[in-house]
Amino acid sequence: MGDRADEVTRLTAFCVLFANVNVGEKPIVISDVLLTDAVRQSFDERRYQKRYIPSIGGTFPHESGGVSIAGLVQKTYVLDNGHCVVLAGDLRRAARFCSEVASRSAIGDVVEICQRYSDELQFVVLVNDSESKTVHVCATESCRRLSPGSYGSVLLGGSGEGAWASLVVRHQDLLFKAGQESESLGRALCLVNEALDMDQSNRSETLGKRFGAYYEITAFTGSEFIKVARVAHHYLTLEFTDSESQWIIKRTYYHEYLDNDLIVRRISWGLDSEESAVWQDCYVIGGLMGRVNTIEARTWIDQTALAPLAEVLCVKVGESKFRFVRWHRRLVTIRKEEGKWFPAVDREVIEEISRAIAAAL
């Protein structure tokens, strides 16, 4: 896009959410994966042409028009030198920026690179200094810093900052019960669950502003940054009649990584005769590190069932919503029979969730 980098930047969006690193809390990063057509075309039209991977059923891309799969790309990168970069803007400049940051380890060198690119891109760089065991944060002025709440510091950038700001502010004061080690990541998973829900129910606030579609979470373990993978987001409705509960699974999102490619499955639930069936709309989302491997991704999707390490549940009861994070026993297991996919739901888990909600109502 040449000298129109500022215009491109205003059209992109990302969210960075991290704990208060000044008191030693571990950072957590959240970013969306949707770019505009303008940014995509400025780098390589052939790489980001409209691409759909048919798997089990389905014939349509994620969205029609300007927010189709053509504009999906990863914005968060864990570099070989241990740093984490989240950025938005022109892809050609972004690729150069990542390459330069990846070649430097010293904080002073990274700061100098950030200063040179600060007028061209929006970014947050988390520098992992292994010697001092600290994480330094460099961010462009275009990011908005919210007042610290129970999350610590929050930075937002791009055209979606208003929607994300209100979402984060509402979310950070909600009651959340978890062990100390899993609370921060659990909260982040619930925030993504809520953001995906907003993509579905209020698209003008996310997809209409050219951000959203899906979200990556990158967590700091204390020694390195890792992208959180194999997460399933389930959306259910629950009704209480007399002393019984009736529930329906409406949709599911699931993501995993195949090498450097992000695979997202958007799952709808239907019927095959009298048995529930699975309909999948699947995408492979690449980044700056090379072309996506569509052949390998398609084979993986066709042959591999969901195997989540974590499930995030959004349960709607009337006008209320409850969110749960499960790390071990799965609510949903999917199997393949004669080329078709079918779910099995753990009724004991459903009853456990129903009792918890009934006690809270």
Protein backbone atom coordinates (compact mmCIF):
# COMPACT_ATOMS: atom_id res chain seq x y z
CA MET A 1 0.00 0.00 0.00
CA GLY A 2 3.06 2.26 -0.07
CA ASP A 3 2.52 5.52 1.84
CA ARG A 4 -0.99 4.50 2.90
CA ALA A 5 0.26 2.54 5.92
CA ASP A 6 -1.69 4.76 8.36
CA GLU A 7 -4.94 4.05 6.53
CA VAL A 8 -4.26 0.32 6.62
CA THR A 9 -3.48 0.46 10.33
CA ARG A 10 -6.83 2.08 11.12
CA LEU A 11 -8.60 -0.77 9.36
CA THR A 12 -6.96 -3.51 11.40
CA ALA A 13 -7.52 -4.53 14.99
CA PHE A 14 -5.98 -6.64 17.68
CA CYS A 15 -6.23 -7.03 21.42
CA VAL A 16 -3.37 -7.69 23.78
CA LEU A 17 -4.28 -8.73 27.31
CA PHE A 18 -1.54 -9.35 29.82
CA ALA A 19 -1.06 -9.51 33.56
CA ASN A 20 0.87 -6.90 35.53
CA VAL A 21 4.42 -7.89 34.63
CA ASN A 22 5.79 -5.29 37.08
CA VAL A 23 4.79 -7.53 39.98
CA GLY A 24 5.90 -10.74 38.31
CA GLU A 25 2.59 -12.00 36.89
CA LYS A 26 2.80 -14.08 33.73
CA PRO A 27 1.66 -12.39 30.50
CA ILE A 28 -1.28 -13.67 28.47
CA VAL A 29 -1.82 -12.40 24.92
CA ILE A 30 -5.05 -12.48 22.90
CA SER A 31 -5.28 -11.52 19.25
CA ASP A 32 -7.81 -11.86 16.44
CA VAL A 33 -7.05 -13.37 13.02
CA LEU A 34 -9.01 -11.18 10.58
CA LEU A 35 -7.34 -8.79 8.15
CA THR A 36 -8.94 -6.52 5.57
CA ASP A 37 -8.86 -7.13 1.84
CA ALA A 38 -6.68 -4.03 1.42
CA VAL A 39 -3.95 -5.37 3.67
CA ARG A 40 -4.11 -8.81 2.12
CA GLN A 41 -3.81 -7.52 -1.42
CA SER A 42 -0.90 -5.26 -0.57
CA PHE A 43 1.34 -8.25 0.15
CA ASP A 44 0.58 -11.26 -2.02
CA GLU A 45 -2.76 -11.73 -3.72
CA ARG A 46 -2.00 -15.34 -4.60
CA ARG A 47 -1.20 -16.33 -1.01
CA TYR A 48 -4.39 -14.90 0.39
CA GLN A 49 -6.85 -15.70 -2.36
CA LYS A 50 -10.24 -16.94 -1.16
CA ARG A 51 -9.52 -20.45 0.02
CA TYR A 52 -11.96 -22.96 1.45
CA ILE A 53 -11.11 -26.43 2.68
CA PRO A 54 -14.11 -28.74 2.33
CA SER A 55 -14.07 -31.43 4.96
CA ILE A 56 -17.23 -33.00 6.31
CA GLY A 57 -20.09 -31.32 4.47
CA GLY A 58 -20.23 -27.61 3.87
CA THR A 59 -19.81 -25.48 0.80
CA PHE A 60 -19.53 -21.92 2.07
CA PRO A 61 -16.64 -19.79 3.35
CA HIS A 62 -16.70 -18.26 6.82
CA GLU A 63 -18.41 -15.03 5.80
CA SER A 64 -19.51 -13.51 2.54
CA GLY A 65 -17.91 -10.50 0.89
CA GLY A 66 -15.05 -8.58 2.49
CA VAL A 67 -14.76 -10.65 5.66
CA SER A 68 -14.36 -14.07 4.08
CA ILE A 69 -11.56 -16.50 4.78
CA ALA A 70 -9.49 -14.54 2.26
CA GLY A 71 -8.70 -12.03 5.02
CA LEU A 72 -7.72 -14.46 7.76
CA VAL A 73 -4.12 -14.39 8.97
CA GLN A 74 -2.31 -14.92 12.28
CA LYS A 75 -1.16 -11.76 14.06
CA THR A 76 0.73 -13.32 17.00
CA TYR A 77 4.17 -14.90 16.58
CA VAL A 78 6.42 -16.69 19.04
CA LEU A 79 9.94 -16.13 17.71
CA ASP A 80 12.89 -18.52 17.90
CA ASN A 81 14.76 -16.12 20.22
CA GLY A 82 11.94 -16.42 22.77
CA HIS A 83 10.16 -13.12 22.15
CA CYS A 84 6.45 -12.76 21.39
CA VAL A 85 5.18 -10.27 18.79
CA VAL A 86 1.60 -9.14 18.16
CA LEU A 87 1.15 -6.79 15.25
CA ALA A 88 -1.24 -5.31 12.73
CA GLY A 89 -0.66 -3.34 9.54
CA ASP A 90 0.81 -3.88 6.11
CA LEU A 91 1.99 -7.49 5.75
CA ARG A 92 5.18 -6.67 3.89
CA ARG A 93 6.34 -4.33 6.66
CA ALA A 94 5.13 -6.79 9.29
CA ALA A 95 7.27 -9.57 7.80
CA ARG A 96 10.37 -7.36 7.84
CA PHE A 97 9.64 -6.27 11.41
CA CYS A 98 9.30 -9.87 12.66
CA SER A 99 12.49 -10.86 10.88
CA GLU A 100 14.47 -8.04 12.49
CA VAL A 101 13.10 -8.67 16.00
CA ALA A 102 13.83 -12.39 15.59
CA SER A 103 17.48 -11.61 14.88
CA ARG A 104 18.03 -9.66 18.12
CA SER A 105 17.98 -10.81 21.73
CA ALA A 106 19.15 -7.77 23.67
CA ILE A 107 16.39 -5.46 24.90
CA GLY A 108 18.22 -2.37 23.63
CA ASP A 109 18.40 -3.75 20.09
CA VAL A 110 14.69 -4.66 20.12
CA VAL A 111 13.75 -1.18 21.38
CA GLU A 112 15.71 0.40 18.52
CA ILE A 113 13.85 -1.75 15.98
CA CYS A 114 10.51 -0.85 17.58
CA GLN A 115 11.31 2.84 17.36
CA ARG A 116 12.01 2.58 13.63
CA TYR A 117 8.71 0.83 12.90
CA SER A 118 6.47 2.69 15.35
CA ASP A 119 5.02 4.97 12.66
CA GLU A 120 4.33 2.13 10.23
CA LEU A 121 2.74 -0.64 12.29
CA GLN A 122 0.72 -1.29 15.41
CA PHE A 123 2.48 -3.79 17.62
CA VAL A 124 3.27 -5.06 21.08
CA VAL A 125 6.56 -6.89 21.59
CA LEU A 126 7.13 -8.94 24.73
CA VAL A 127 10.87 -9.44 25.14
CA ASN A 128 11.76 -12.54 27.14
CA ASP A 129 15.02 -11.77 28.94
CA SER A 130 16.05 -15.23 30.17
CA GLU A 131 19.14 -13.95 32.01
CA SER A 132 17.25 -11.55 34.27
CA LYS A 133 14.09 -13.69 34.18
CA THR A 134 11.96 -10.68 33.24
CA VAL A 135 9.60 -9.83 30.40
CA HIS A 136 9.85 -6.34 28.89
CA VAL A 137 6.94 -4.82 26.96
CA CYS A 138 7.31 -2.45 23.99
CA ALA A 139 4.15 -1.04 22.40
CA THR A 140 3.20 1.62 19.87
CA GLU A 141 1.38 4.72 21.03
CA SER A 142 -1.58 3.68 18.89
CA CYS A 143 -2.41 1.07 21.53
CA ARG A 144 -4.89 2.11 24.20
CA ARG A 145 -3.99 1.30 27.79
CA LEU A 146 -6.96 0.68 30.07
CA SER A 147 -6.76 1.25 33.80
CA PRO A 148 -5.56 -1.92 35.53
CA GLY A 149 -8.32 -4.12 36.89
CA SER A 150 -8.24 -7.69 38.06
CA TYR A 151 -6.38 -8.59 34.85
CA GLY A 152 -3.57 -6.10 35.23
CA SER A 153 -2.76 -3.98 32.16
CA VAL A 154 -4.72 -4.14 28.92
CA LEU A 155 -3.63 -2.74 25.57
CA LEU A 156 -5.92 -2.45 22.57
CA GLY A 157 -5.33 -1.22 19.05
CA GLY A 158 -7.23 -0.78 15.81
CA SER A 159 -10.79 -0.03 14.75
CA GLY A 160 -12.28 -2.57 17.15
CA GLU A 161 -10.86 -1.02 20.30
CA GLY A 162 -14.22 0.29 21.53
CA ALA A 163 -15.93 -3.10 21.37
CA TRP A 164 -12.95 -4.87 22.93
CA ALA A 165 -12.61 -2.26 25.67
CA SER A 166 -16.22 -2.64 26.76
CA LEU A 167 -15.91 -6.42 26.56
CA VAL A 168 -12.79 -6.52 28.74
CA VAL A 169 -14.18 -4.07 31.30
CA ARG A 170 -17.39 -6.09 31.67
CA HIS A 171 -15.49 -9.35 31.83
CA GLN A 172 -12.77 -8.53 34.34
CA ASP A 173 -15.20 -7.94 37.21
CA LEU A 174 -17.18 -11.15 36.75
CA LEU A 175 -16.95 -13.81 39.44
CA PHE A 176 -14.51 -16.54 38.46
CA LYS A 177 -13.63 -19.56 40.60
CA ALA A 178 -10.45 -21.50 39.90
CA GLY A 179 -7.16 -22.59 41.37
CA GLN A 180 -4.52 -19.90 41.51
CA GLU A 181 -2.42 -21.47 38.75
CA SER A 182 -5.29 -21.72 36.24
CA GLU A 183 -7.34 -18.61 37.02
CA SER A 184 -5.61 -16.21 34.60
CA LEU A 185 -5.67 -18.62 31.66
CA GLY A 186 -9.23 -19.67 32.52
CA ARG A 187 -10.35 -16.04 32.47
CA ALA A 188 -8.65 -15.52 29.11
CA LEU A 189 -10.39 -18.59 27.66
CA CYS A 190 -13.74 -17.29 28.89
CA LEU A 191 -13.03 -13.89 27.34
CA VAL A 192 -12.36 -15.53 23.97
CA ASN A 193 -15.52 -17.57 24.39
CA GLU A 194 -17.46 -14.35 24.95
CA ALA A 195 -15.77 -12.66 21.97
CA LEU A 196 -16.72 -15.55 19.66
CA ASP A 197 -20.25 -15.25 21.00
CA MET A 198 -20.23 -11.55 20.10
CA ASP A 199 -18.96 -12.38 16.59
CA GLN A 200 -22.03 -14.55 16.15
CA SER A 201 -24.68 -12.35 17.78
CA ASN A 202 -23.47 -8.79 17.11
CA ARG A 203 -21.38 -8.89 13.95
CA SER A 204 -21.50 -5.13 13.43
CA GLU A 205 -19.28 -4.75 16.51
CA THR A 206 -16.61 -7.19 15.32
CA LEU A 207 -16.75 -8.60 11.80
CA GLY A 208 -18.41 -5.40 10.57
CA LYS A 209 -15.36 -3.47 11.79
CA ARG A 210 -12.99 -5.96 10.19
CA PHE A 211 -11.73 -7.76 13.26
CA GLY A 212 -12.66 -10.97 15.01
CA ALA A 213 -13.44 -14.26 13.18
CA TYR A 214 -11.27 -16.23 15.61
CA TYR A 215 -8.83 -15.53 18.44
CA GLU A 216 -5.47 -16.93 19.47
CA ILE A 217 -4.21 -17.08 23.06
CA THR A 218 -0.49 -17.08 23.83
CA ALA A 219 0.60 -17.67 27.42
CA PHE A 220 3.93 -17.23 29.20
CA THR A 221 4.88 -20.28 31.23
CA GLY A 222 7.60 -18.56 33.24
CA SER A 223 10.32 -19.51 30.79
CA GLU A 224 8.74 -19.32 27.31
CA PHE A 225 5.71 -18.21 25.33
CA ILE A 226 3.43 -20.92 23.97
CA LYS A 227 0.28 -20.74 21.86
CA VAL A 228 -2.62 -22.39 23.65
CA ALA A 229 -3.88 -25.19 21.42
CA ARG A 230 -6.57 -27.87 21.26
CA VAL A 231 -9.36 -25.82 22.81
CA ALA A 232 -13.06 -26.48 22.15
CA HIS A 233 -15.69 -23.78 22.73
CA HIS A 234 -19.18 -25.24 23.17
CA TYR A 235 -22.40 -23.18 23.17
CA LEU A 236 -25.43 -24.74 24.83
CA THR A 237 -28.94 -23.81 25.85
CA LEU A 238 -30.41 -25.22 29.05
CA GLU A 239 -34.01 -25.27 30.28
CA PHE A 240 -35.36 -26.46 33.60
CA THR A 241 -38.75 -28.20 33.57
CA ASP A 242 -40.03 -29.40 36.94
CA SER A 243 -37.01 -31.14 38.43
CA GLU A 244 -35.40 -32.06 35.11
CA SER A 245 -33.08 -30.23 32.74
CA GLN A 246 -33.19 -30.18 28.96
CA TRP A 247 -30.16 -29.02 26.97
CA ILE A 248 -29.16 -28.53 23.34
CA ILE A 249 -25.66 -28.00 21.95
CA LYS A 250 -25.99 -25.22 19.37
CA ARG A 251 -22.47 -24.90 17.95
CA THR A 252 -18.82 -25.57 18.70
CA TYR A 253 -15.50 -24.00 17.72
CA TYR A 254 -12.28 -25.97 17.94
CA HIS A 255 -8.72 -24.98 17.12
CA GLU A 256 -5.37 -26.70 16.93
CA TYR A 257 -2.03 -26.16 15.21
CA LEU A 258 -0.49 -28.22 12.44
CA ASP A 259 3.14 -27.11 12.33
CA ASN A 260 2.79 -23.29 12.07
CA ASP A 261 -0.72 -23.33 10.59
CA LEU A 262 -3.81 -22.66 12.70
CA ILE A 263 -6.73 -24.97 11.97
CA VAL A 264 -10.17 -23.81 13.08
CA ARG A 265 -13.29 -25.93 12.89
CA ARG A 266 -16.72 -24.32 13.20
CA ILE A 267 -19.13 -27.12 14.04
CA SER A 268 -22.91 -27.24 13.75
CA TRP A 269 -25.02 -29.98 15.27
CA GLY A 270 -27.77 -31.72 13.30
CA LEU A 271 -29.50 -35.07 12.99
CA ASP A 272 -28.74 -38.18 10.96
CA SER A 273 -31.89 -40.27 11.31
CA GLU A 274 -32.39 -40.19 15.09
CA GLU A 275 -28.76 -39.59 15.99
CA SER A 276 -26.94 -36.27 16.32
CA ALA A 277 -24.46 -35.60 13.53
CA VAL A 278 -21.58 -33.17 13.11
CA TRP A 279 -21.25 -30.66 10.25
CA GLN A 280 -17.87 -28.96 10.03
CA ASP A 281 -16.77 -25.75 8.34
CA CYS A 282 -12.96 -25.80 8.50
CA TYR A 283 -10.19 -23.31 7.82
CA VAL A 284 -6.43 -23.30 7.76
CA ILE A 285 -4.97 -19.92 8.76
CA GLY A 286 -1.36 -19.17 7.97
CA GLY A 287 0.89 -16.27 8.83
CA LEU A 288 4.10 -14.55 7.87
CA MET A 289 6.29 -17.64 8.17
CA GLY A 290 5.44 -19.31 4.85
CA ARG A 291 2.62 -20.64 2.74
CA VAL A 292 -0.13 -22.68 4.35
CA ASN A 293 -0.01 -26.40 3.67
CA THR A 294 -3.57 -26.92 2.43
CA ILE A 295 -3.02 -30.54 1.35
CA GLU A 296 -1.70 -31.66 4.75
CA ALA A 297 -4.36 -29.63 6.57
CA ARG A 298 -7.19 -31.12 4.53
CA THR A 299 -5.93 -34.65 5.15
CA TRP A 300 -5.63 -33.92 8.88
CA ILE A 301 -9.17 -32.49 9.08
CA ASP A 302 -10.69 -35.40 7.17
CA GLN A 303 -9.02 -38.07 9.29
CA THR A 304 -8.67 -36.57 12.78
CA ALA A 305 -11.41 -36.09 15.35
CA LEU A 306 -11.46 -33.34 17.97
CA ALA A 307 -9.16 -34.05 20.92
CA PRO A 308 -9.37 -30.96 23.17
CA LEU A 309 -7.10 -30.40 26.14
CA ALA A 310 -9.59 -27.80 27.41
CA GLU A 311 -13.31 -27.21 26.87
CA VAL A 312 -14.95 -23.84 27.41
CA LEU A 313 -18.71 -23.96 27.84
CA CYS A 314 -21.17 -21.12 27.36
CA VAL A 315 -24.53 -22.19 28.78
CA LYS A 316 -27.54 -19.95 28.13
CA VAL A 317 -30.45 -20.21 30.55
CA GLY A 318 -33.19 -17.76 29.62
CA GLU A 319 -31.44 -14.39 29.36
CA SER A 320 -28.52 -15.44 31.58
CA LYS A 321 -25.22 -16.96 30.49
CA PHE A 322 -22.82 -19.10 32.49
CA ARG A 323 -19.29 -20.04 31.42
CA PHE A 324 -17.25 -23.02 32.55
CA VAL A 325 -13.71 -24.19 31.77
CA ARG A 326 -13.03 -27.93 31.93
CA TRP A 327 -9.47 -29.28 31.78
CA HIS A 328 -9.86 -33.02 32.12
CA ARG A 329 -13.05 -35.03 31.59
CA ARG A 330 -14.57 -34.08 28.24
CA LEU A 331 -18.17 -33.04 27.78
CA VAL A 332 -18.19 -34.03 24.09
CA THR A 333 -16.39 -36.86 22.33
CA ILE A 334 -16.62 -37.14 18.54
CA ARG A 335 -16.30 -40.40 16.63
CA LYS A 336 -16.26 -41.28 12.92
CA GLU A 337 -18.39 -44.05 11.44
CA GLU A 338 -18.64 -44.87 7.72
CA GLY A 339 -17.33 -41.46 6.70
CA LYS A 340 -19.67 -39.53 9.02
CA TRP A 341 -18.97 -37.83 12.35
CA PHE A 342 -21.15 -38.26 15.44
CA PRO A 343 -20.91 -36.77 18.96
CA ALA A 344 -21.28 -38.50 22.28
CA VAL A 345 -22.15 -36.24 25.21
CA ASP A 346 -21.23 -37.11 28.79
CA ARG A 347 -24.57 -36.84 30.59
CA GLU A 348 -22.95 -36.92 34.03
CA VAL A 349 -21.01 -33.76 33.15
CA ILE A 350 -24.19 -32.11 31.86
CA GLU A 351 -26.00 -32.95 35.09
CA GLU A 352 -23.11 -31.63 37.15
CA ILE A 353 -23.25 -28.34 35.22
CA SER A 354 -27.04 -28.21 35.52
CA ARG A 355 -26.87 -28.57 39.29
CA ALA A 356 -24.26 -25.80 39.56
CA ILE A 357 -26.41 -23.43 37.48
CA ALA A 358 -29.60 -24.31 39.34
CA ALA A 359 -27.90 -23.47 42.62
CA ALA A 360 -26.83 -20.08 41.24
CA LEU A 361 -30.23 -19.06 39.85
